[in-house]
Amino acid sequence: MLMSQLANLLKKVNKLDKITEILVGVMGVIFAVCGWIVKRLHSSVDKSNARISILEKSLVDRPYLESQLSPIRTDLNLILSHLLEHRKTENKTHPQD
């Protein structure tokens, strides 16, 4: 009787050991997959940040835009002053009726 109880107990222990081994294996696989996913996401975020940094370097900022627009403004001011002067001389030569 004692031997049969010990045999049953050992069978239960063996079953629990097998279940524990299976659970440990499944948990290991789950953790490995989760680690792989996190690694992929992290590397993807790093690549995206690098691309954004490259794009930020090539974007036009306000000082650059002002430096590019200043020659155009001077040309427009020259044209406007010429037109205003021409209008003054035209008004002197051709007074309105």
Protein backbone atom coordinates (compact mmCIF):
# COMPACT_ATOMS: atom_id res chain seq x y z
CA MET A 1 0.00 0.00 0.00
CA LEU A 2 2.76 2.42 0.89
CA MET A 3 4.59 1.45 -2.28
CA SER A 4 1.53 2.10 -4.43
CA GLN A 5 1.03 5.48 -2.79
CA LEU A 6 4.68 6.33 -3.43
CA ALA A 7 4.34 5.16 -7.02
CA ASN A 8 1.23 7.33 -7.51
CA LEU A 9 3.00 10.26 -5.88
CA LEU A 10 6.00 9.82 -8.18
CA LYS A 11 3.72 9.65 -11.21
CA LYS A 12 2.06 12.91 -10.12
CA VAL A 13 5.46 14.51 -9.51
CA ASN A 14 6.66 13.36 -12.93
CA LYS A 15 3.54 14.79 -14.54
CA LEU A 16 4.03 18.09 -12.69
CA ASP A 17 7.70 18.13 -13.73
CA LYS A 18 6.70 17.61 -17.35
CA ILE A 19 4.03 20.31 -17.13
CA THR A 20 6.56 22.66 -15.51
CA GLU A 21 9.11 21.96 -18.25
CA ILE A 22 6.50 22.60 -20.93
CA LEU A 23 5.40 25.84 -19.26
CA VAL A 24 9.02 27.01 -18.93
CA GLY A 25 9.61 26.22 -22.60
CA VAL A 26 6.45 28.03 -23.72
CA MET A 27 7.29 31.04 -21.53
CA GLY A 28 10.79 31.10 -22.99
CA VAL A 29 9.40 31.12 -26.52
CA ILE A 30 6.92 33.88 -25.63
CA PHE A 31 9.65 36.01 -24.05
CA ALA A 32 11.93 35.44 -27.04
CA VAL A 33 9.19 36.54 -29.47
CA CYS A 34 8.39 39.60 -27.33
CA GLY A 35 12.09 40.50 -27.18
CA TRP A 36 12.40 40.17 -30.94
CA ILE A 37 9.36 42.42 -31.47
CA VAL A 38 10.68 45.05 -29.07
CA LYS A 39 14.08 44.96 -30.78
CA ARG A 40 12.46 45.43 -34.21
CA LEU A 41 10.34 48.32 -32.98
CA HIS A 42 13.30 49.97 -31.29
CA SER A 43 15.48 49.70 -34.39
CA SER A 44 12.62 51.02 -36.51
CA VAL A 45 12.24 54.03 -34.21
CA ASP A 46 16.00 54.66 -34.36
CA LYS A 47 15.94 54.56 -38.17
CA SER A 48 12.98 56.92 -38.23
CA ASN A 49 14.74 59.35 -35.90
CA ALA A 50 17.81 59.29 -38.14
CA ARG A 51 15.67 60.04 -41.21
CA ILE A 52 13.93 62.90 -39.42
CA SER A 53 17.29 64.36 -38.38
CA ILE A 54 18.47 64.29 -41.99
CA LEU A 55 15.27 65.98 -43.15
CA GLU A 56 15.50 68.64 -40.45
CA LYS A 57 18.95 69.58 -41.70
CA SER A 58 17.62 70.20 -45.20
CA LEU A 59 14.50 72.14 -44.22
CA VAL A 60 14.37 75.85 -44.80
CA ASP A 61 14.54 77.90 -41.62
CA ARG A 62 13.60 81.55 -41.20
CA PRO A 63 17.14 83.05 -41.38
CA TYR A 64 17.88 81.12 -44.58
CA LEU A 65 14.59 82.24 -46.08
CA GLU A 66 15.27 85.87 -45.13
CA SER A 67 18.72 85.71 -46.72
CA GLN A 68 17.20 84.38 -49.94
CA LEU A 69 14.42 86.97 -50.00
CA SER A 70 16.52 90.05 -49.31
CA PRO A 71 17.81 90.40 -52.94
CA ILE A 72 14.25 90.07 -54.20
CA ARG A 73 13.09 92.77 -51.79
CA THR A 74 15.82 95.14 -52.90
CA ASP A 75 14.84 94.56 -56.54
CA LEU A 76 11.19 95.19 -55.75
CA ASN A 77 12.07 98.37 -53.86
CA LEU A 78 14.12 99.57 -56.84
CA ILE A 79 11.25 98.87 -59.24
CA LEU A 80 8.75 100.57 -56.94
CA SER A 81 10.92 103.65 -56.51
CA HIS A 82 11.42 103.86 -60.28
CA LEU A 83 7.68 103.61 -60.91
CA LEU A 84 6.96 106.28 -58.31
CA GLU A 85 9.56 108.59 -59.83
CA HIS A 86 8.15 107.95 -63.28
CA ARG A 87 4.69 108.78 -62.02
CA LYS A 88 5.89 112.08 -60.56
CA THR A 89 7.55 113.11 -63.82
CA GLU A 90 4.55 111.97 -65.80
CA ASN A 91 2.23 114.07 -63.65
CA LYS A 92 4.45 117.12 -64.22
CA THR A 93 4.49 116.74 -67.99
CA HIS A 94 0.86 115.72 -68.38
CA PRO A 95 -1.32 117.44 -65.80
CA GLN A 96 -4.76 116.00 -65.41
CA ASP A 97 -7.63 118.00 -66.77
